[in-house]
Amino acid sequence: MKSKWHLFGAIFDIIVGVAGILAFIIILASGDSVGRWIPALILSVCFLGLGIYELRNWNKK
């Protein structure tokens, strides 16, 4: 059964992941030290991957 909540969650994960990656790129471009932001980048990539995975599974159902 296709739940709208699963779709909302997948889209939310994708938005959060993309926003985190863009924020990392902005910090990198500003010349700040990005060493402490690497865990946030990894988490953002995981959110993006999870959102894409959930969206693909939602489309298959």
N, C-alpha and C. Protein backbone atom coordinates (compact mmCIF):
# COMPACT_ATOMS: atom_id res chain seq x y z
N MET A 1 0.83 -1.18 0.00
CA MET A 1 0.00 0.00 0.00
C MET A 1 0.88 1.25 0.00
N LYS A 2 0.60 2.14 -0.91
CA LYS A 2 1.37 3.37 -1.00
C LYS A 2 0.85 4.37 0.02
N SER A 3 1.69 4.69 0.97
CA SER A 3 1.32 5.65 2.00
C SER A 3 1.89 7.02 1.65
N LYS A 4 1.07 8.03 1.82
CA LYS A 4 1.54 9.39 1.55
C LYS A 4 2.59 9.81 2.58
N TRP A 5 2.56 9.22 3.78
CA TRP A 5 3.54 9.55 4.80
C TRP A 5 4.92 9.04 4.41
N HIS A 6 4.97 7.88 3.77
CA HIS A 6 6.26 7.35 3.31
C HIS A 6 6.83 8.24 2.21
N LEU A 7 5.96 8.71 1.33
CA LEU A 7 6.39 9.63 0.28
C LEU A 7 6.88 10.94 0.89
N PHE A 8 6.14 11.48 1.84
CA PHE A 8 6.55 12.72 2.51
C PHE A 8 7.90 12.54 3.21
N GLY A 9 8.07 11.41 3.88
CA GLY A 9 9.34 11.14 4.57
C GLY A 9 10.50 11.05 3.60
N ALA A 10 10.28 10.40 2.47
CA ALA A 10 11.34 10.26 1.47
C ALA A 10 11.72 11.63 0.90
N ILE A 11 10.74 12.43 0.58
CA ILE A 11 11.01 13.76 0.02
C ILE A 11 11.70 14.64 1.07
N PHE A 12 11.28 14.54 2.31
CA PHE A 12 11.90 15.30 3.39
C PHE A 12 13.37 14.90 3.55
N ASP A 13 13.66 13.60 3.51
CA ASP A 13 15.04 13.13 3.60
C ASP A 13 15.89 13.68 2.45
N ILE A 14 15.34 13.70 1.26
CA ILE A 14 16.08 14.21 0.10
C ILE A 14 16.35 15.71 0.27
N ILE A 15 15.36 16.45 0.72
CA ILE A 15 15.53 17.90 0.90
C ILE A 15 16.59 18.19 1.97
N VAL A 16 16.53 17.47 3.08
CA VAL A 16 17.51 17.68 4.15
C VAL A 16 18.91 17.30 3.68
N GLY A 17 19.02 16.21 2.95
CA GLY A 17 20.32 15.80 2.43
C GLY A 17 20.92 16.80 1.47
N VAL A 18 20.12 17.28 0.54
CA VAL A 18 20.60 18.26 -0.44
C VAL A 18 20.96 19.58 0.27
N ALA A 19 20.15 20.00 1.22
CA ALA A 19 20.44 21.23 1.96
C ALA A 19 21.76 21.11 2.74
N GLY A 20 21.99 19.96 3.34
CA GLY A 20 23.24 19.75 4.08
C GLY A 20 24.45 19.75 3.17
N ILE A 21 24.33 19.12 2.01
CA ILE A 21 25.43 19.10 1.06
C ILE A 21 25.71 20.51 0.53
N LEU A 22 24.66 21.25 0.23
CA LEU A 22 24.84 22.63 -0.24
C LEU A 22 25.47 23.51 0.84
N ALA A 23 25.07 23.31 2.08
CA ALA A 23 25.66 24.08 3.18
C ALA A 23 27.15 23.76 3.31
N PHE A 24 27.51 22.51 3.15
CA PHE A 24 28.92 22.13 3.21
C PHE A 24 29.71 22.78 2.08
N ILE A 25 29.13 22.80 0.90
CA ILE A 25 29.80 23.42 -0.25
C ILE A 25 29.98 24.92 -0.02
N ILE A 26 28.98 25.57 0.56
CA ILE A 26 29.08 27.01 0.86
C ILE A 26 30.16 27.26 1.89
N ILE A 27 30.24 26.43 2.92
CA ILE A 27 31.28 26.58 3.93
C ILE A 27 32.65 26.35 3.30
N LEU A 28 32.75 25.36 2.44
CA LEU A 28 34.00 25.07 1.76
C LEU A 28 34.43 26.24 0.87
N ALA A 29 33.49 26.83 0.16
CA ALA A 29 33.79 27.94 -0.74
C ALA A 29 34.18 29.21 0.02
N SER A 30 33.69 29.34 1.25
CA SER A 30 34.01 30.54 2.02
C SER A 30 35.42 30.51 2.59
N GLY A 31 36.06 29.37 2.54
CA GLY A 31 37.44 29.27 3.00
C GLY A 31 37.58 28.85 4.45
N ASP A 32 36.48 28.53 5.11
CA ASP A 32 36.55 28.06 6.49
C ASP A 32 37.14 26.66 6.56
N SER A 33 37.55 26.28 7.75
CA SER A 33 38.03 24.93 7.98
C SER A 33 36.83 23.98 7.97
N VAL A 34 36.87 22.97 7.13
CA VAL A 34 35.73 22.06 7.00
C VAL A 34 35.94 20.74 7.72
N GLY A 35 37.04 20.59 8.41
CA GLY A 35 37.34 19.33 9.08
C GLY A 35 36.28 18.90 10.07
N ARG A 36 35.75 19.86 10.80
CA ARG A 36 34.74 19.51 11.80
C ARG A 36 33.36 19.30 11.18
N TRP A 37 33.19 19.65 9.91
CA TRP A 37 31.91 19.50 9.24
C TRP A 37 31.80 18.22 8.41
N ILE A 38 32.86 17.42 8.39
CA ILE A 38 32.84 16.17 7.63
C ILE A 38 31.75 15.22 8.14
N PRO A 39 31.57 15.04 9.45
CA PRO A 39 30.47 14.17 9.90
C PRO A 39 29.10 14.65 9.43
N ALA A 40 28.90 15.96 9.38
CA ALA A 40 27.62 16.50 8.90
C ALA A 40 27.44 16.20 7.41
N LEU A 41 28.53 16.27 6.65
CA LEU A 41 28.46 15.93 5.23
C LEU A 41 28.12 14.46 5.04
N ILE A 42 28.74 13.60 5.82
CA ILE A 42 28.46 12.16 5.72
C ILE A 42 27.00 11.88 6.06
N LEU A 43 26.50 12.52 7.10
CA LEU A 43 25.10 12.36 7.49
C LEU A 43 24.16 12.87 6.40
N SER A 44 24.51 13.97 5.77
CA SER A 44 23.69 14.53 4.69
C SER A 44 23.65 13.59 3.49
N VAL A 45 24.79 13.00 3.16
CA VAL A 45 24.83 12.04 2.05
C VAL A 45 23.99 10.81 2.39
N CYS A 46 24.04 10.38 3.65
CA CYS A 46 23.21 9.24 4.07
C CYS A 46 21.72 9.59 3.98
N PHE A 47 21.34 10.79 4.40
CA PHE A 47 19.94 11.21 4.27
C PHE A 47 19.51 11.21 2.81
N LEU A 48 20.36 11.72 1.94
CA LEU A 48 20.04 11.76 0.52
C LEU A 48 19.89 10.35 -0.04
N GLY A 49 20.81 9.48 0.30
CA GLY A 49 20.73 8.09 -0.17
C GLY A 49 19.51 7.38 0.36
N LEU A 50 19.20 7.58 1.63
CA LEU A 50 18.02 6.96 2.23
C LEU A 50 16.74 7.47 1.59
N GLY A 51 16.69 8.76 1.32
CA GLY A 51 15.51 9.33 0.68
C GLY A 51 15.30 8.77 -0.72
N ILE A 52 16.38 8.65 -1.48
CA ILE A 52 16.27 8.09 -2.82
C ILE A 52 15.85 6.63 -2.76
N TYR A 53 16.41 5.89 -1.82
CA TYR A 53 16.05 4.47 -1.65
C TYR A 53 14.57 4.33 -1.29
N GLU A 54 14.10 5.14 -0.35
CA GLU A 54 12.69 5.08 0.06
C GLU A 54 11.76 5.48 -1.09
N LEU A 55 12.17 6.48 -1.86
CA LEU A 55 11.35 6.92 -2.99
C LEU A 55 11.26 5.83 -4.05
N ARG A 56 12.35 5.15 -4.31
CA ARG A 56 12.34 4.06 -5.28
C ARG A 56 11.44 2.91 -4.80
N ASN A 57 11.52 2.58 -3.52
CA ASN A 57 10.67 1.53 -2.97
C ASN A 57 9.20 1.95 -2.98
N TRP A 58 8.93 3.22 -2.73
CA TRP A 58 7.55 3.70 -2.76
C TRP A 58 6.98 3.59 -4.17
N ASN A 59 7.80 3.86 -5.18
CA ASN A 59 7.33 3.77 -6.58
C ASN A 59 7.08 2.32 -7.00
N LYS A 60 7.83 1.37 -6.42
CA LYS A 60 7.66 -0.04 -6.79
C LYS A 60 6.39 -0.64 -6.23
N LYS A 61 5.91 -0.11 -5.11
CA LYS A 61 4.74 -0.70 -4.46
C LYS A 61 3.47 -0.37 -5.20
